[in-house]
Amino acid sequence: MAITEELSALRDDTLAAVAAADTTAALDEVRVRVLGKAGTLTGYLRSMGSVPKEERAAVGKAVNEARVAVEEALAARKAVLDAAELEAAIDAAAVDVTLPGRVQQRGTRHLINGIIDEISEIFLGLGYSVAEGPEVETDYYNFEALNAPADHPSRSMQDTFYVVDRSGDEAAVRGESDVLLRTQTSGVQVHAMEDQELPIYVIAPGKVYRRDVADPSHLPQFHQIEGLVVDEGITFGDLKGTLDYVCKQIFGPERKTRFRAHYFPFTEPSAEVDVSCGICHGEGCRMCKGTGWLEILGCGMVDPNVLEMSGIDPERYSGFAFGMGVERIACLKYNVPDLRMLLEGDMRFLRQF
């Protein structure tokens, strides 16, 4: 078959392939196969040097005519396919203006932050101020200044995250590091006693960290709100009156409180505070394990040793301190059975609050 006949057959086959292409991608494949660097028609152009002189003019003309015909067919088909694909895209993105509108959901503060704000507002109304402190604390402020002896269980590596330096210091590995993630916000109270003028009425909300395995009643990271009062003439009666008022503001005026003797190294005397169960109203149920009461916080009168270590005269001043877990308050107030539900991010749960 003569070269001109081959070119004529190539042109016809290419024009048929162009007409059959139903997408711009398929059309581009035809273009590359024929006009690309390694395309069939391009191969004829590159081989013109091997064509006999007497045939070059006819072959060159046939090659150019085939190239022009193919390029024109490609351009025309591309215009058609571009228009069709654009119309399909517009149809796919069309909006039915007769459909009812979709209401944009508004975000709200997380339940934990909401409880912190609520409790903070109660104490601000009583004349307290809000104090903050570092989450990475020293052993002195987290334990020693709070009258916790070196052998107290709270100092054990089983409860505390100690900060180990990059060199892997052996003392830090053994739990003898002086730097740790605070296990309580009580250190903020020590800073307040050292830095603020008397009298002191502060609360200290914030994150704390302990080496606990997450379960329905424990989390390795949670939030506390601790409070401190240091003034002249402060008695246990002031502590009871304050916390009874706060509990009624949080849970409702019908709820009762009771104080049970307890031990904390930084308060003496110390007590646990319970609030009457809101499910059974004190009659006893599964929520309160049949007791009619729910434990909510610990408190006590500030130990004189703690006052002295912060440079306060315990003969002139006295005070009380208390601490509550925010997640526990949230669960007790809204009857949430598992602390982990507060952190799982399930919007079906969180939207209830």
Protein backbone atom coordinates (compact mmCIF):
# COMPACT_ATOMS: atom_id res chain seq x y z
CA MET A 1 0.00 0.00 0.00
CA ALA A 2 1.34 3.45 -0.95
CA ILE A 3 2.11 5.94 1.80
CA THR A 4 -0.63 8.26 0.66
CA GLU A 5 -3.14 5.45 0.95
CA GLU A 6 -1.87 4.67 4.47
CA LEU A 7 -2.31 8.32 5.43
CA SER A 8 -5.82 8.38 4.01
CA ALA A 9 -6.76 5.28 6.01
CA LEU A 10 -5.16 6.77 9.19
CA ARG A 11 -7.09 10.01 8.73
CA ASP A 12 -10.41 8.19 8.30
CA ASP A 13 -9.80 5.95 11.31
CA THR A 14 -8.80 8.95 13.43
CA LEU A 15 -11.85 10.99 12.41
CA ALA A 16 -14.05 8.01 13.32
CA ALA A 17 -12.35 7.74 16.74
CA VAL A 18 -12.81 11.48 17.32
CA ALA A 19 -16.50 11.23 16.52
CA ALA A 20 -16.88 8.24 18.86
CA ALA A 21 -15.14 9.92 21.85
CA ASP A 22 -17.82 10.65 24.49
CA THR A 23 -15.64 12.47 27.05
CA THR A 24 -12.87 15.04 26.87
CA ALA A 25 -10.54 12.48 28.47
CA ALA A 26 -11.23 9.93 25.72
CA LEU A 27 -10.80 12.64 23.09
CA ASP A 28 -7.42 13.60 24.54
CA GLU A 29 -6.31 9.97 24.32
CA VAL A 30 -7.06 10.04 20.57
CA ARG A 31 -5.09 13.28 20.16
CA VAL A 32 -2.04 11.90 21.96
CA ARG A 33 -2.19 8.62 20.03
CA VAL A 34 -2.17 10.43 16.66
CA LEU A 35 -0.55 13.85 17.18
CA GLY A 36 1.58 13.27 20.26
CA LYS A 37 5.37 13.01 20.24
CA ALA A 38 5.09 9.28 19.66
CA GLY A 39 1.84 9.56 17.64
CA THR A 40 1.25 7.73 14.38
CA LEU A 41 0.86 10.87 12.25
CA THR A 42 3.88 12.45 13.89
CA GLY A 43 5.85 9.38 12.90
CA TYR A 44 5.11 10.04 9.24
CA LEU A 45 6.37 13.61 9.59
CA ARG A 46 9.61 12.42 11.18
CA SER A 47 10.20 9.83 8.43
CA MET A 48 9.94 12.28 5.53
CA GLY A 49 13.69 12.08 5.04
CA SER A 50 13.47 8.44 4.02
CA VAL A 51 10.74 9.05 1.42
CA PRO A 52 11.99 9.02 -2.20
CA LYS A 53 12.43 12.53 -3.62
CA GLU A 54 9.87 11.98 -6.34
CA GLU A 55 7.20 11.11 -3.70
CA ARG A 56 8.00 13.69 -0.99
CA ALA A 57 5.73 16.41 -2.33
CA ALA A 58 2.70 14.11 -2.55
CA VAL A 59 3.43 12.48 0.82
CA GLY A 60 4.02 15.85 2.52
CA LYS A 61 0.77 17.21 1.15
CA ALA A 62 -1.12 14.11 2.31
CA VAL A 63 0.43 14.34 5.80
CA ASN A 64 -0.49 18.04 6.18
CA GLU A 65 -4.02 17.48 4.92
CA ALA A 66 -4.49 14.61 7.37
CA ARG A 67 -3.06 16.69 10.25
CA VAL A 68 -5.31 19.67 9.47
CA ALA A 69 -8.38 17.44 9.17
CA VAL A 70 -7.63 15.70 12.46
CA GLU A 71 -6.92 18.97 14.35
CA GLU A 72 -10.14 20.56 13.07
CA ALA A 73 -12.15 17.46 14.03
CA LEU A 74 -10.53 17.44 17.50
CA ALA A 75 -11.33 21.12 18.09
CA ALA A 76 -14.93 20.76 16.95
CA ARG A 77 -15.54 17.63 19.04
CA LYS A 78 -13.88 19.20 22.12
CA ALA A 79 -16.20 22.20 21.89
CA VAL A 80 -19.21 19.90 21.82
CA LEU A 81 -17.98 17.76 24.73
CA ASP A 82 -16.98 20.79 26.84
CA ALA A 83 -20.45 22.26 26.44
CA ALA A 84 -22.09 18.95 27.35
CA GLU A 85 -19.92 18.43 30.43
CA LEU A 86 -20.50 22.00 31.60
CA GLU A 87 -24.26 21.56 31.26
CA ALA A 88 -24.09 18.27 33.19
CA ALA A 89 -22.08 19.95 35.97
CA ILE A 90 -24.59 22.79 36.18
CA ASP A 91 -27.48 20.32 36.37
CA ALA A 92 -25.72 18.37 39.12
CA ALA A 93 -25.12 21.53 41.15
CA ALA A 94 -28.58 22.95 40.62
CA VAL A 95 -30.46 24.10 43.72
CA ASP A 96 -34.18 23.59 44.00
CA VAL A 97 -35.28 26.93 45.44
CA THR A 98 -38.69 25.49 46.29
CA LEU A 99 -37.19 23.14 48.93
CA PRO A 100 -37.44 24.25 52.57
CA GLY A 101 -34.27 25.85 53.94
CA ARG A 102 -31.80 24.02 56.15
CA VAL A 103 -31.36 25.59 59.56
CA GLN A 104 -27.71 26.14 60.47
CA GLN A 105 -26.98 24.46 63.78
CA ARG A 106 -25.53 26.81 66.35
CA GLY A 107 -22.69 25.64 68.53
CA THR A 108 -22.79 25.83 72.31
CA ARG A 109 -20.24 25.60 75.08
CA HIS A 110 -19.31 22.07 76.11
CA LEU A 111 -21.05 20.79 79.23
CA ILE A 112 -17.78 20.79 81.19
CA ASN A 113 -17.07 24.43 80.34
CA GLY A 114 -20.68 25.28 81.07
CA ILE A 115 -20.43 23.79 84.58
CA ILE A 116 -17.18 25.69 85.22
CA ASP A 117 -18.85 28.94 84.14
CA GLU A 118 -21.94 28.22 86.25
CA ILE A 119 -19.97 27.49 89.42
CA SER A 120 -17.63 30.43 88.81
CA GLU A 121 -20.63 32.77 88.53
CA ILE A 122 -21.95 31.51 91.87
CA PHE A 123 -18.68 32.28 93.64
CA LEU A 124 -18.21 35.59 91.84
CA GLY A 125 -21.60 36.53 93.25
CA LEU A 126 -20.23 35.77 96.73
CA GLY A 127 -17.30 38.13 96.20
CA TYR A 128 -14.66 35.57 95.21
CA SER A 129 -12.15 36.09 92.40
CA VAL A 130 -10.91 33.52 89.88
CA ALA A 131 -7.22 32.55 90.05
CA GLU A 132 -5.19 30.55 87.54
CA GLY A 133 -1.90 28.72 87.74
CA PRO A 134 0.47 26.51 85.71
CA GLU A 135 -0.52 22.96 84.78
CA VAL A 136 3.16 21.94 84.90
CA GLU A 137 3.98 22.49 88.55
CA THR A 138 6.79 21.85 91.00
CA ASP A 139 6.71 19.28 93.78
CA TYR A 140 6.78 22.10 96.32
CA TYR A 141 3.53 23.75 95.21
CA ASN A 142 1.73 20.51 94.40
CA PHE A 143 2.66 18.61 97.58
CA GLU A 144 5.15 20.06 100.06
CA ALA A 145 3.53 23.46 100.60
CA LEU A 146 0.21 21.64 101.10
CA ASN A 147 1.53 19.67 104.07
CA ALA A 148 1.84 16.38 102.14
CA PRO A 149 4.72 14.38 103.68
CA ALA A 150 7.20 12.60 101.44
CA ASP A 151 5.60 9.20 102.08
CA HIS A 152 2.02 10.32 101.35
CA PRO A 153 0.30 8.05 98.76
CA SER A 154 -0.57 11.02 96.54
CA ARG A 155 3.14 11.50 95.82
CA SER A 156 3.52 8.00 94.42
CA MET A 157 4.28 7.45 90.75
CA GLN A 158 1.07 5.42 90.66
CA ASP A 159 -0.91 8.68 90.88
CA THR A 160 1.34 11.39 89.47
CA PHE A 161 2.82 12.14 86.05
CA TYR A 162 6.40 13.27 86.68
CA VAL A 163 8.25 15.18 83.98
CA VAL A 164 11.42 13.38 82.83
CA ASP A 165 14.09 15.45 81.07
CA ARG A 166 15.27 14.56 77.56
CA SER A 167 18.39 12.88 78.93
CA GLY A 168 16.27 10.33 80.80
CA ASP A 169 17.46 11.42 84.23
CA GLU A 170 17.39 8.43 86.60
CA ALA A 171 16.00 10.45 89.51
CA ALA A 172 13.06 11.57 87.42
CA VAL A 173 12.41 8.01 86.27
CA ARG A 174 12.27 6.91 89.93
CA GLY A 175 9.69 9.60 90.68
CA GLU A 176 12.11 11.99 92.36
CA SER A 177 11.73 14.70 89.75
CA ASP A 178 10.85 18.15 91.05
CA VAL A 179 8.56 18.85 88.07
CA LEU A 180 5.20 17.20 87.45
CA LEU A 181 1.75 17.61 85.92
CA ARG A 182 -0.37 18.97 88.73
CA THR A 183 -2.66 16.43 90.37
CA GLN A 184 -4.84 19.15 91.90
CA THR A 185 -5.38 22.87 91.51
CA SER A 186 -4.47 23.36 95.20
CA GLY A 187 -1.09 24.70 94.08
CA VAL A 188 -2.89 27.78 92.79
CA GLN A 189 -4.05 28.40 96.36
CA VAL A 190 -0.44 28.39 97.58
CA HIS A 191 0.51 30.90 94.87
CA ALA A 192 -2.43 33.05 95.97
CA MET A 193 -1.33 32.97 99.62
CA GLU A 194 2.20 33.94 98.63
CA ASP A 195 1.30 36.65 96.10
CA GLN A 196 -2.01 38.21 97.19
CA GLU A 197 -2.77 40.51 100.05
CA LEU A 198 -5.05 39.29 102.82
CA PRO A 199 -7.94 38.60 103.05
CA ILE A 200 -8.13 35.98 100.26
CA TYR A 201 -11.32 34.70 98.64
CA VAL A 202 -10.44 32.80 95.45
CA ILE A 203 -11.48 29.82 93.37
CA ALA A 204 -9.10 27.99 91.04
CA PRO A 205 -10.66 26.09 88.11
CA GLY A 206 -8.48 24.10 85.71
CA LYS A 207 -7.24 20.78 84.32
CA VAL A 208 -5.46 18.24 86.51
CA TYR A 209 -3.75 14.95 85.67
CA ARG A 210 -3.50 11.60 87.44
CA ARG A 211 -2.36 8.13 86.46
CA ASP A 212 -5.86 6.67 86.46
CA VAL A 213 -7.30 4.26 83.92
CA ALA A 214 -10.41 5.73 82.28
CA ASP A 215 -13.56 4.04 83.59
CA PRO A 216 -17.10 5.18 84.43
CA SER A 217 -15.89 7.09 87.51
CA HIS A 218 -12.23 7.97 86.72
CA LEU A 219 -10.35 9.88 84.04
CA PRO A 220 -6.59 10.48 83.65
CA GLN A 221 -7.31 14.13 82.80
CA PHE A 222 -10.20 16.00 84.35
CA HIS A 223 -11.18 19.42 85.71
CA GLN A 224 -11.31 20.69 89.26
CA ILE A 225 -12.57 23.81 90.95
CA GLU A 226 -10.86 24.44 94.26
CA GLY A 227 -11.52 27.34 96.58
CA LEU A 228 -9.64 29.10 99.36
CA VAL A 229 -10.66 31.60 102.00
CA VAL A 230 -8.14 33.16 104.41
CA ASP A 231 -9.34 35.93 106.71
CA GLU A 232 -9.65 36.82 110.37
CA GLY A 233 -12.29 34.92 112.32
CA ILE A 234 -13.12 32.27 109.70
CA THR A 235 -14.81 29.23 111.25
CA PHE A 236 -16.11 25.84 110.14
CA GLY A 237 -19.57 27.39 110.26
CA ASP A 238 -18.55 29.75 107.45
CA LEU A 239 -17.38 26.73 105.44
CA LYS A 240 -20.65 24.84 105.98
CA GLY A 241 -22.81 27.84 105.17
CA THR A 242 -20.89 28.62 101.99
CA LEU A 243 -20.92 25.09 100.61
CA ASP A 244 -24.56 24.49 101.55
CA TYR A 245 -25.49 27.62 99.61
CA VAL A 246 -23.33 26.63 96.62
CA CYS A 247 -24.81 23.11 96.49
CA LYS A 248 -28.34 24.48 96.49
CA GLN A 249 -27.43 26.90 93.70
CA ILE A 250 -25.99 24.06 91.61
CA PHE A 251 -28.50 21.27 92.25
CA GLY A 252 -31.63 23.09 93.42
CA PRO A 253 -32.97 24.62 96.65
CA GLU A 254 -34.69 21.37 97.71
CA ARG A 255 -31.41 19.42 97.95
CA LYS A 256 -29.86 18.78 101.36
CA THR A 257 -26.19 18.54 102.32
CA ARG A 258 -24.29 16.61 104.95
CA PHE A 259 -20.68 16.71 106.10
CA ARG A 260 -18.73 13.55 106.99
CA ALA A 261 -15.38 13.55 108.79
CA HIS A 262 -12.47 12.76 106.49
CA TYR A 263 -8.71 13.28 106.18
CA PHE A 264 -6.76 15.57 103.86
CA PRO A 265 -3.13 16.51 104.58
CA PHE A 266 -3.70 20.23 103.98
CA THR A 267 -6.87 20.76 106.07
CA GLU A 268 -7.74 20.05 109.69
CA PRO A 269 -10.49 19.27 110.48
CA SER A 270 -11.50 17.86 107.09
CA ALA A 271 -14.79 16.63 105.68
CA GLU A 272 -16.46 15.06 102.67
CA VAL A 273 -19.64 16.79 101.51
CA ASP A 274 -22.64 14.84 100.22
CA VAL A 275 -25.79 16.12 98.56
CA SER A 276 -29.14 14.35 98.75
CA CYS A 277 -29.93 12.18 95.72
CA GLY A 278 -32.06 13.95 93.15
CA ILE A 279 -33.49 10.69 91.77
CA CYS A 280 -34.94 9.17 94.94
CA HIS A 281 -34.94 12.35 97.07
CA GLY A 282 -33.05 10.59 99.83
CA GLU A 283 -35.08 7.38 99.87
CA GLY A 284 -32.34 5.21 98.33
CA CYS A 285 -31.91 4.01 94.75
CA ARG A 286 -29.33 2.56 92.33
CA MET A 287 -27.94 6.03 91.61
CA CYS A 288 -26.98 6.62 95.25
CA LYS A 289 -26.40 2.91 95.98
CA GLY A 290 -29.27 2.88 98.43
CA THR A 291 -27.82 5.55 100.74
CA GLY A 292 -29.87 8.54 99.63
CA TRP A 293 -26.68 10.64 99.34
CA LEU A 294 -24.14 11.46 96.62
CA GLU A 295 -20.56 12.47 97.41
CA ILE A 296 -19.61 15.70 95.63
CA LEU A 297 -16.52 17.35 97.19
CA GLY A 298 -13.91 17.49 99.91
CA CYS A 299 -13.21 20.41 102.22
CA GLY A 300 -11.81 21.51 105.57
CA MET A 301 -10.19 24.25 107.59
CA VAL A 302 -6.74 25.19 106.28
CA ASP A 303 -4.05 23.47 108.34
CA PRO A 304 -1.96 26.01 110.32
CA ASN A 305 1.21 24.46 108.85
CA VAL A 306 0.00 25.38 105.35
CA LEU A 307 -0.59 28.98 106.43
CA GLU A 308 2.85 29.20 108.05
CA MET A 309 4.64 27.82 104.97
CA SER A 310 3.09 30.65 102.94
CA GLY A 311 4.10 33.30 105.47
CA ILE A 312 0.66 33.78 107.08
CA ASP A 313 0.27 34.02 110.86
CA PRO A 314 -2.09 31.17 111.92
CA GLU A 315 -2.65 32.86 115.27
CA ARG A 316 -4.31 35.79 113.54
CA TYR A 317 -5.75 34.27 110.38
CA SER A 318 -7.74 31.15 109.64
CA GLY A 319 -9.41 29.85 106.54
CA PHE A 320 -11.09 27.02 104.71
CA ALA A 321 -10.50 25.23 101.43
CA PHE A 322 -12.56 22.93 99.23
CA GLY A 323 -12.25 21.10 95.94
CA MET A 324 -14.75 19.54 93.53
CA GLY A 325 -14.46 17.58 90.28
CA VAL A 326 -16.27 19.35 87.47
CA GLU A 327 -17.02 16.16 85.52
CA ARG A 328 -18.48 14.56 88.64
CA ILE A 329 -20.69 17.59 89.28
CA ALA A 330 -21.90 17.45 85.67
CA CYS A 331 -22.71 13.74 85.93
CA LEU A 332 -24.54 14.12 89.23
CA LYS A 333 -26.52 17.15 88.07
CA TYR A 334 -27.64 15.59 84.79
CA ASN A 335 -27.65 11.90 85.83
CA VAL A 336 -24.89 10.91 83.38
CA PRO A 337 -23.82 7.32 84.21
CA ASP A 338 -20.29 7.38 82.75
CA LEU A 339 -17.65 10.14 82.89
CA ARG A 340 -16.23 9.01 79.54
CA MET A 341 -19.43 10.10 77.78
CA LEU A 342 -18.38 13.72 78.39
CA LEU A 343 -15.25 13.26 76.26
CA GLU A 344 -16.36 10.96 73.43
CA GLY A 345 -17.72 13.79 71.25
CA ASP A 346 -21.04 12.04 70.50
CA MET A 347 -23.23 14.93 69.34
CA ARG A 348 -26.40 13.01 70.12
CA PHE A 349 -25.34 13.13 73.77
CA LEU A 350 -23.81 16.61 73.87
CA ARG A 351 -26.79 18.32 72.17
CA GLN A 352 -28.92 17.49 75.21
CA PHE A 353 -27.09 20.18 77.15
